[in-house]
Amino acid sequence: PMAAVARRTGFGSPESLRRASTRNLGITPGAYRAR
């Protein structure tokens, strides 16, 4: 789950992971995973 990915990679929350992903990759983590 996104919460586990965020926690294990040091982002702490799915929202922090989403913001970083959008900033760095231009897409959300869910879209990245699907693609």
PDB file of all heavy atoms in Angstrom:
ATOM      1  N   PRO A   1       0.834  -1.210   0.000  1.00  0.00           N
ATOM      2  CA  PRO A   1       0.000   0.000   0.000  1.00  0.00           C
ATOM      3  C   PRO A   1       0.869   1.260   0.000  1.00  0.00           C
ATOM      4  O   PRO A   1       2.019   1.235   0.449  1.00  0.00           O
ATOM      5  CB  PRO A   1      -0.785  -0.096   1.313  1.00  0.00           C
ATOM      6  CG  PRO A   1      -0.598  -1.485   1.813  1.00  0.00           C
ATOM      7  CD  PRO A   1       0.634  -2.040   1.176  1.00  0.00           C
ATOM      8  N   MET A   2       0.308   2.355  -0.490  1.00  0.00           N
ATOM      9  CA  MET A   2       1.068   3.611  -0.562  1.00  0.00           C
ATOM     10  C   MET A   2       1.593   4.039   0.803  1.00  0.00           C
ATOM     11  O   MET A   2       2.698   4.565   0.902  1.00  0.00           O
ATOM     12  CB  MET A   2       0.223   4.737  -1.155  1.00  0.00           C
ATOM     13  CG  MET A   2      -0.060   4.582  -2.612  1.00  0.00           C
ATOM     14  SD  MET A   2       1.443   4.509  -3.597  1.00  0.00           S
ATOM     15  CE  MET A   2       0.754   3.842  -5.097  1.00  0.00           C
ATOM     16  N   ALA A   3       0.809   3.814   1.857  1.00  0.00           N
ATOM     17  CA  ALA A   3       1.259   4.189   3.203  1.00  0.00           C
ATOM     18  C   ALA A   3       2.530   3.431   3.570  1.00  0.00           C
ATOM     19  O   ALA A   3       3.454   4.001   4.162  1.00  0.00           O
ATOM     20  CB  ALA A   3       0.165   3.933   4.229  1.00  0.00           C
ATOM     21  N   ALA A   4       2.616   2.158   3.206  1.00  0.00           N
ATOM     22  CA  ALA A   4       3.802   1.358   3.502  1.00  0.00           C
ATOM     23  C   ALA A   4       4.995   1.827   2.668  1.00  0.00           C
ATOM     24  O   ALA A   4       6.112   1.926   3.172  1.00  0.00           O
ATOM     25  CB  ALA A   4       3.525  -0.121   3.254  1.00  0.00           C
ATOM     26  N   VAL A   5       4.760   2.119   1.403  1.00  0.00           N
ATOM     27  CA  VAL A   5       5.833   2.616   0.537  1.00  0.00           C
ATOM     28  C   VAL A   5       6.365   3.937   1.091  1.00  0.00           C
ATOM     29  O   VAL A   5       7.577   4.126   1.219  1.00  0.00           O
ATOM     30  CB  VAL A   5       5.348   2.794  -0.922  1.00  0.00           C
ATOM     31  CG1 VAL A   5       6.417   3.463  -1.775  1.00  0.00           C
ATOM     32  CG2 VAL A   5       4.949   1.453  -1.523  1.00  0.00           C
ATOM     33  N   ALA A   6       5.462   4.825   1.461  1.00  0.00           N
ATOM     34  CA  ALA A   6       5.867   6.129   2.001  1.00  0.00           C
ATOM     35  C   ALA A   6       6.676   5.959   3.282  1.00  0.00           C
ATOM     36  O   ALA A   6       7.724   6.586   3.457  1.00  0.00           O
ATOM     37  CB  ALA A   6       4.633   6.994   2.258  1.00  0.00           C
ATOM     38  N   ARG A   7       6.194   5.130   4.168  1.00  0.00           N
ATOM     39  CA  ARG A   7       6.869   4.924   5.454  1.00  0.00           C
ATOM     40  C   ARG A   7       8.241   4.289   5.258  1.00  0.00           C
ATOM     41  O   ARG A   7       9.232   4.742   5.827  1.00  0.00           O
ATOM     42  CB  ARG A   7       5.990   4.053   6.353  1.00  0.00           C
ATOM     43  CG  ARG A   7       6.466   3.918   7.773  1.00  0.00           C
ATOM     44  CD  ARG A   7       5.504   3.104   8.632  1.00  0.00           C
ATOM     45  NE  ARG A   7       5.232   1.778   8.087  1.00  0.00           N
ATOM     46  CZ  ARG A   7       4.064   1.411   7.518  1.00  0.00           C
ATOM     47  NH1 ARG A   7       3.072   2.255   7.411  1.00  0.00           N
ATOM     48  NH2 ARG A   7       3.909   0.183   7.056  1.00  0.00           N
ATOM     49  N   ARG A   8       8.325   3.268   4.429  1.00  0.00           N
ATOM     50  CA  ARG A   8       9.586   2.534   4.245  1.00  0.00           C
ATOM     51  C   ARG A   8      10.640   3.330   3.487  1.00  0.00           C
ATOM     52  O   ARG A   8      11.826   3.009   3.568  1.00  0.00           O
ATOM     53  CB  ARG A   8       9.313   1.217   3.534  1.00  0.00           C
ATOM     54  CG  ARG A   8       8.551   0.251   4.398  1.00  0.00           C
ATOM     55  CD  ARG A   8       8.249  -1.026   3.670  1.00  0.00           C
ATOM     56  NE  ARG A   8       7.401  -1.873   4.495  1.00  0.00           N
ATOM     57  CZ  ARG A   8       6.574  -2.773   4.017  1.00  0.00           C
ATOM     58  NH1 ARG A   8       6.488  -2.976   2.704  1.00  0.00           N
ATOM     59  NH2 ARG A   8       5.831  -3.482   4.823  1.00  0.00           N
ATOM     60  N   THR A   9      10.217   4.322   2.742  1.00  0.00           N
ATOM     61  CA  THR A   9      11.182   5.115   1.976  1.00  0.00           C
ATOM     62  C   THR A   9      11.472   6.467   2.612  1.00  0.00           C
ATOM     63  O   THR A   9      12.186   7.287   2.035  1.00  0.00           O
ATOM     64  CB  THR A   9      10.705   5.311   0.521  1.00  0.00           C
ATOM     65  OG1 THR A   9       9.409   5.927   0.529  1.00  0.00           O
ATOM     66  CG2 THR A   9      10.660   3.987  -0.221  1.00  0.00           C
ATOM     67  N   GLY A  10      10.928   6.695   3.804  1.00  0.00           N
ATOM     68  CA  GLY A  10      11.258   7.896   4.550  1.00  0.00           C
ATOM     69  C   GLY A  10      10.378   9.095   4.298  1.00  0.00           C
ATOM     70  O   GLY A  10      10.651  10.175   4.821  1.00  0.00           O
ATOM     71  N   PHE A  11       9.319   8.946   3.510  1.00  0.00           N
ATOM     72  CA  PHE A  11       8.432  10.075   3.270  1.00  0.00           C
ATOM     73  C   PHE A  11       7.440  10.270   4.411  1.00  0.00           C
ATOM     74  O   PHE A  11       6.931  11.359   4.593  1.00  0.00           O
ATOM     75  CB  PHE A  11       7.692   9.930   1.935  1.00  0.00           C
ATOM     76  CG  PHE A  11       8.586  10.191   0.761  1.00  0.00           C
ATOM     77  CD1 PHE A  11       9.045   9.146  -0.034  1.00  0.00           C
ATOM     78  CD2 PHE A  11       8.985  11.482   0.446  1.00  0.00           C
ATOM     79  CE1 PHE A  11       9.874   9.384  -1.111  1.00  0.00           C
ATOM     80  CE2 PHE A  11       9.814  11.729  -0.629  1.00  0.00           C
ATOM     81  CZ  PHE A  11      10.261  10.680  -1.406  1.00  0.00           C
ATOM     82  N   GLY A  12       7.154   9.232   5.139  1.00  0.00           N
ATOM     83  CA  GLY A  12       6.304   9.351   6.314  1.00  0.00           C
ATOM     84  C   GLY A  12       4.822   9.218   6.059  1.00  0.00           C
ATOM     85  O   GLY A  12       4.120   8.582   6.828  1.00  0.00           O
ATOM     86  N   SER A  13       4.326   9.796   4.988  1.00  0.00           N
ATOM     87  CA  SER A  13       2.894   9.720   4.712  1.00  0.00           C
ATOM     88  C   SER A  13       2.670   9.610   3.203  1.00  0.00           C
ATOM     89  O   SER A  13       3.513  10.057   2.411  1.00  0.00           O
ATOM     90  CB  SER A  13       2.172  10.967   5.234  1.00  0.00           C
ATOM     91  OG  SER A  13       2.471  12.091   4.433  1.00  0.00           O
ATOM     92  N   PRO A  14       1.535   9.044   2.809  1.00  0.00           N
ATOM     93  CA  PRO A  14       1.227   8.973   1.380  1.00  0.00           C
ATOM     94  C   PRO A  14       1.156  10.356   0.731  1.00  0.00           C
ATOM     95  O   PRO A  14       1.545  10.527  -0.423  1.00  0.00           O
ATOM     96  CB  PRO A  14      -0.135   8.279   1.333  1.00  0.00           C
ATOM     97  CG  PRO A  14      -0.208   7.504   2.608  1.00  0.00           C
ATOM     98  CD  PRO A  14       0.549   8.323   3.617  1.00  0.00           C
ATOM     99  N   GLU A  15       0.703  11.348   1.479  1.00  0.00           N
ATOM    100  CA  GLU A  15       0.616  12.709   0.942  1.00  0.00           C
ATOM    101  C   GLU A  15       2.005  13.267   0.630  1.00  0.00           C
ATOM    102  O   GLU A  15       2.212  13.874  -0.421  1.00  0.00           O
ATOM    103  CB  GLU A  15      -0.121  13.631   1.914  1.00  0.00           C
ATOM    104  CG  GLU A  15      -0.211  15.064   1.452  1.00  0.00           C
ATOM    105  CD  GLU A  15      -0.955  15.265   0.140  1.00  0.00           C
ATOM    106  OE1 GLU A  15      -1.772  14.404  -0.243  1.00  0.00           O
ATOM    107  OE2 GLU A  15      -0.699  16.280  -0.533  1.00  0.00           O
ATOM    108  N   SER A  16       2.968  13.048   1.511  1.00  0.00           N
ATOM    109  CA  SER A  16       4.340  13.502   1.249  1.00  0.00           C
ATOM    110  C   SER A  16       4.929  12.785   0.040  1.00  0.00           C
ATOM    111  O   SER A  16       5.606  13.400  -0.789  1.00  0.00           O
ATOM    112  CB  SER A  16       5.227  13.264   2.468  1.00  0.00           C
ATOM    113  OG  SER A  16       4.809  14.052   3.540  1.00  0.00           O
ATOM    114  N   LEU A  17       4.660  11.491  -0.076  1.00  0.00           N
ATOM    115  CA  LEU A  17       5.119  10.719  -1.231  1.00  0.00           C
ATOM    116  C   LEU A  17       4.471  11.249  -2.508  1.00  0.00           C
ATOM    117  O   LEU A  17       5.138  11.424  -3.524  1.00  0.00           O
ATOM    118  CB  LEU A  17       4.800   9.233  -1.052  1.00  0.00           C
ATOM    119  CG  LEU A  17       5.076   8.321  -2.239  1.00  0.00           C
ATOM    120  CD1 LEU A  17       6.541   8.363  -2.645  1.00  0.00           C
ATOM    121  CD2 LEU A  17       4.638   6.895  -1.919  1.00  0.00           C
ATOM    122  N   ARG A  18       3.167  11.544  -2.449  1.00  0.00           N
ATOM    123  CA  ARG A  18       2.464  12.056  -3.623  1.00  0.00           C
ATOM    124  C   ARG A  18       3.051  13.398  -4.072  1.00  0.00           C
ATOM    125  O   ARG A  18       3.304  13.614  -5.257  1.00  0.00           O
ATOM    126  CB  ARG A  18       0.971  12.210  -3.342  1.00  0.00           C
ATOM    127  CG  ARG A  18       0.171  12.588  -4.602  1.00  0.00           C
ATOM    128  CD  ARG A  18      -1.229  13.026  -4.275  1.00  0.00           C
ATOM    129  NE  ARG A  18      -1.266  14.241  -3.481  1.00  0.00           N
ATOM    130  CZ  ARG A  18      -1.040  15.472  -3.961  1.00  0.00           C
ATOM    131  NH1 ARG A  18      -0.747  15.645  -5.224  1.00  0.00           N
ATOM    132  NH2 ARG A  18      -1.100  16.514  -3.170  1.00  0.00           N
ATOM    133  N   ARG A  19       3.296  14.297  -3.131  1.00  0.00           N
ATOM    134  CA  ARG A  19       3.863  15.603  -3.482  1.00  0.00           C
ATOM    135  C   ARG A  19       5.255  15.466  -4.099  1.00  0.00           C
ATOM    136  O   ARG A  19       5.568  16.106  -5.102  1.00  0.00           O
ATOM    137  CB  ARG A  19       3.908  16.515  -2.262  1.00  0.00           C
ATOM    138  CG  ARG A  19       2.563  17.087  -1.881  1.00  0.00           C
ATOM    139  CD  ARG A  19       2.683  18.227  -0.879  1.00  0.00           C
ATOM    140  NE  ARG A  19       3.484  17.905   0.291  1.00  0.00           N
ATOM    141  CZ  ARG A  19       3.000  17.485   1.458  1.00  0.00           C
ATOM    142  NH1 ARG A  19       1.700  17.328   1.614  1.00  0.00           N
ATOM    143  NH2 ARG A  19       3.814  17.227   2.456  1.00  0.00           N
ATOM    144  N   ALA A  20       6.084  14.621  -3.496  1.00  0.00           N
ATOM    145  CA  ALA A  20       7.444  14.427  -4.021  1.00  0.00           C
ATOM    146  C   ALA A  20       7.409  13.768  -5.406  1.00  0.00           C
ATOM    147  O   ALA A  20       8.173  14.147  -6.297  1.00  0.00           O
ATOM    148  CB  ALA A  20       8.266  13.583  -3.056  1.00  0.00           C
ATOM    149  N   SER A  21       6.518  12.808  -5.580  1.00  0.00           N
ATOM    150  CA  SER A  21       6.403  12.123  -6.863  1.00  0.00           C
ATOM    151  C   SER A  21       5.948  13.086  -7.954  1.00  0.00           C
ATOM    152  O   SER A  21       6.503  13.108  -9.056  1.00  0.00           O
ATOM    153  CB  SER A  21       5.414  10.958  -6.742  1.00  0.00           C
ATOM    154  OG  SER A  21       5.251  10.308  -7.975  1.00  0.00           O
ATOM    155  N   THR A  22       4.971  13.892  -7.636  1.00  0.00           N
ATOM    156  CA  THR A  22       4.476  14.865  -8.605  1.00  0.00           C
ATOM    157  C   THR A  22       5.570  15.878  -8.946  1.00  0.00           C
ATOM    158  O   THR A  22       5.760  16.232 -10.116  1.00  0.00           O
ATOM    159  CB  THR A  22       3.226  15.575  -8.058  1.00  0.00           C
ATOM    160  OG1 THR A  22       2.230  14.589  -7.771  1.00  0.00           O
ATOM    161  CG2 THR A  22       2.662  16.560  -9.057  1.00  0.00           C
ATOM    162  N   ARG A  23       6.316  16.309  -7.957  1.00  0.00           N
ATOM    163  CA  ARG A  23       7.391  17.277  -8.161  1.00  0.00           C
ATOM    164  C   ARG A  23       8.535  16.675  -8.990  1.00  0.00           C
ATOM    165  O   ARG A  23       9.083  17.313  -9.881  1.00  0.00           O
ATOM    166  CB  ARG A  23       7.909  17.747  -6.800  1.00  0.00           C
ATOM    167  CG  ARG A  23       8.987  18.779  -6.841  1.00  0.00           C
ATOM    168  CD  ARG A  23       9.341  19.365  -5.464  1.00  0.00           C
ATOM    169  NE  ARG A  23       9.462  18.394  -4.382  1.00  0.00           N
ATOM    170  CZ  ARG A  23       8.571  18.256  -3.381  1.00  0.00           C
ATOM    171  NH1 ARG A  23       7.491  19.004  -3.332  1.00  0.00           N
ATOM    172  NH2 ARG A  23       8.760  17.357  -2.442  1.00  0.00           N
ATOM    173  N   ASN A  24       8.904  15.426  -8.702  1.00  0.00           N
ATOM    174  CA  ASN A  24      10.080  14.810  -9.340  1.00  0.00           C
ATOM    175  C   ASN A  24       9.771  14.073 -10.629  1.00  0.00           C
ATOM    176  O   ASN A  24      10.606  14.033 -11.536  1.00  0.00           O
ATOM    177  CB  ASN A  24      10.753  13.843  -8.362  1.00  0.00           C
ATOM    178  CG  ASN A  24      11.446  14.555  -7.240  1.00  0.00           C
ATOM    179  OD1 ASN A  24      12.519  15.104  -7.427  1.00  0.00           O
ATOM    180  ND2 ASN A  24      10.839  14.576  -6.067  1.00  0.00           N
ATOM    181  N   LEU A  25       8.608  13.442 -10.696  1.00  0.00           N
ATOM    182  CA  LEU A  25       8.290  12.598 -11.847  1.00  0.00           C
ATOM    183  C   LEU A  25       7.174  13.156 -12.723  1.00  0.00           C
ATOM    184  O   LEU A  25       6.963  12.686 -13.835  1.00  0.00           O
ATOM    185  CB  LEU A  25       7.884  11.192 -11.368  1.00  0.00           C
ATOM    186  CG  LEU A  25       8.878  10.484 -10.450  1.00  0.00           C
ATOM    187  CD1 LEU A  25       8.283   9.172  -9.951  1.00  0.00           C
ATOM    188  CD2 LEU A  25      10.196  10.256 -11.157  1.00  0.00           C
ATOM    189  N   GLY A  26       6.412  14.086 -12.169  1.00  0.00           N
ATOM    190  CA  GLY A  26       5.308  14.663 -12.928  1.00  0.00           C
ATOM    191  C   GLY A  26       4.027  13.845 -12.885  1.00  0.00           C
ATOM    192  O   GLY A  26       3.057  14.191 -13.554  1.00  0.00           O
ATOM    193  N   ILE A  27       4.021  12.754 -12.115  1.00  0.00           N
ATOM    194  CA  ILE A  27       2.825  11.924 -11.968  1.00  0.00           C
ATOM    195  C   ILE A  27       2.723  11.437 -10.526  1.00  0.00           C
ATOM    196  O   ILE A  27       3.702  11.437  -9.785  1.00  0.00           O
ATOM    197  CB  ILE A  27       2.821  10.708 -12.932  1.00  0.00           C
ATOM    198  CG1 ILE A  27       4.046   9.815 -12.713  1.00  0.00           C
ATOM    199  CG2 ILE A  27       2.740  11.159 -14.372  1.00  0.00           C
ATOM    200  CD1 ILE A  27       4.033   8.547 -13.549  1.00  0.00           C
ATOM    201  N   THR A  28       1.535  10.996 -10.150  1.00  0.00           N
ATOM    202  CA  THR A  28       1.325  10.484  -8.802  1.00  0.00           C
ATOM    203  C   THR A  28       1.941   9.092  -8.661  1.00  0.00           C
ATOM    204  O   THR A  28       2.179   8.408  -9.668  1.00  0.00           O
ATOM    205  CB  THR A  28      -0.176  10.389  -8.482  1.00  0.00           C
ATOM    206  OG1 THR A  28      -0.772   9.424  -9.356  1.00  0.00           O
ATOM    207  CG2 THR A  28      -0.866  11.746  -8.621  1.00  0.00           C
ATOM    208  N   PRO A  29       2.168   8.642  -7.430  1.00  0.00           N
ATOM    209  CA  PRO A  29       2.711   7.292  -7.240  1.00  0.00           C
ATOM    210  C   PRO A  29       1.800   6.196  -7.812  1.00  0.00           C
ATOM    211  O   PRO A  29       2.288   5.219  -8.376  1.00  0.00           O
ATOM    212  CB  PRO A  29       2.829   7.156  -5.725  1.00  0.00           C
ATOM    213  CG  PRO A  29       2.815   8.537  -5.192  1.00  0.00           C
ATOM    214  CD  PRO A  29       2.045   9.364  -6.164  1.00  0.00           C
ATOM    215  N   GLY A  30       0.496   6.381  -7.677  1.00  0.00           N
ATOM    216  CA  GLY A  30      -0.437   5.392  -8.228  1.00  0.00           C
ATOM    217  C   GLY A  30      -0.344   5.303  -9.742  1.00  0.00           C
ATOM    218  O   GLY A  30      -0.359   4.209 -10.324  1.00  0.00           O
ATOM    219  N   ALA A  31      -0.233   6.446 -10.399  1.00  0.00           N
ATOM    220  CA  ALA A  31      -0.083   6.459 -11.856  1.00  0.00           C
ATOM    221  C   ALA A  31       1.253   5.858 -12.259  1.00  0.00           C
ATOM    222  O   ALA A  31       1.345   5.124 -13.249  1.00  0.00           O
ATOM    223  CB  ALA A  31      -0.207   7.890 -12.377  1.00  0.00           C
ATOM    224  N   TYR A  32       2.293   6.150 -11.486  1.00  0.00           N
ATOM    225  CA  TYR A  32       3.615   5.568 -11.767  1.00  0.00           C
ATOM    226  C   TYR A  32       3.551   4.050 -11.672  1.00  0.00           C
ATOM    227  O   TYR A  32       4.040   3.342 -12.546  1.00  0.00           O
ATOM    228  CB  TYR A  32       4.666   6.122 -10.797  1.00  0.00           C
ATOM    229  CG  TYR A  32       6.050   5.616 -11.103  1.00  0.00           C
ATOM    230  CD1 TYR A  32       6.867   6.305 -11.978  1.00  0.00           C
ATOM    231  CD2 TYR A  32       6.529   4.440 -10.533  1.00  0.00           C
ATOM    232  CE1 TYR A  32       8.133   5.836 -12.290  1.00  0.00           C
ATOM    233  CE2 TYR A  32       7.787   3.958 -10.836  1.00  0.00           C
ATOM    234  CZ  TYR A  32       8.584   4.660 -11.716  1.00  0.00           C
ATOM    235  OH  TYR A  32       9.831   4.170 -12.027  1.00  0.00           O
ATOM    236  N   ARG A  33       2.917   3.554 -10.602  1.00  0.00           N
ATOM    237  CA  ARG A  33       2.798   2.109 -10.414  1.00  0.00           C
ATOM    238  C   ARG A  33       2.030   1.478 -11.567  1.00  0.00           C
ATOM    239  O   ARG A  33       2.443   0.441 -12.102  1.00  0.00           O
ATOM    240  CB  ARG A  33       2.099   1.799  -9.095  1.00  0.00           C
ATOM    241  CG  ARG A  33       1.844   0.321  -8.901  1.00  0.00           C
ATOM    242  CD  ARG A  33       1.214   0.040  -7.576  1.00  0.00           C
ATOM    243  NE  ARG A  33       2.271  -0.158  -6.598  1.00  0.00           N
ATOM    244  CZ  ARG A  33       2.080  -0.230  -5.302  1.00  0.00           C
ATOM    245  NH1 ARG A  33       0.875  -0.079  -4.790  1.00  0.00           N
ATOM    246  NH2 ARG A  33       3.091  -0.432  -4.491  1.00  0.00           N
ATOM    247  N   ALA A  34       0.938   2.080 -11.963  1.00  0.00           N
ATOM    248  CA  ALA A  34       0.129   1.531 -13.058  1.00  0.00           C
ATOM    249  C   ALA A  34       0.915   1.495 -14.371  1.00  0.00           C
ATOM    250  O   ALA A  34       0.776   0.561 -15.153  1.00  0.00           O
ATOM    251  CB  ALA A  34      -1.140   2.363 -13.229  1.00  0.00           C
ATOM    252  N   ARG A  35       1.743   2.481 -14.577  1.00  0.00           N
ATOM    253  CA  ARG A  35       2.479   2.583 -15.827  1.00  0.00           C
ATOM    254  C   ARG A  35       3.726   1.710 -15.868  1.00  0.00           C
ATOM    255  O   ARG A  35       4.079   1.165 -16.916  1.00  0.00           O
ATOM    256  CB  ARG A  35       2.885   4.034 -16.067  1.00  0.00           C
ATOM    257  CG  ARG A  35       3.472   4.263 -17.445  1.00  0.00           C
ATOM    258  CD  ARG A  35       3.782   5.710 -17.704  1.00  0.00           C
ATOM    259  NE  ARG A  35       2.561   6.493 -17.663  1.00  0.00           N
ATOM    260  CZ  ARG A  35       2.521   7.821 -17.700  1.00  0.00           C
ATOM    261  NH1 ARG A  35       3.645   8.503 -17.762  1.00  0.00           N
ATOM    262  NH2 ARG A  35       1.382   8.469 -17.667  1.00  0.00           N
TER     263      ARG A  35
END
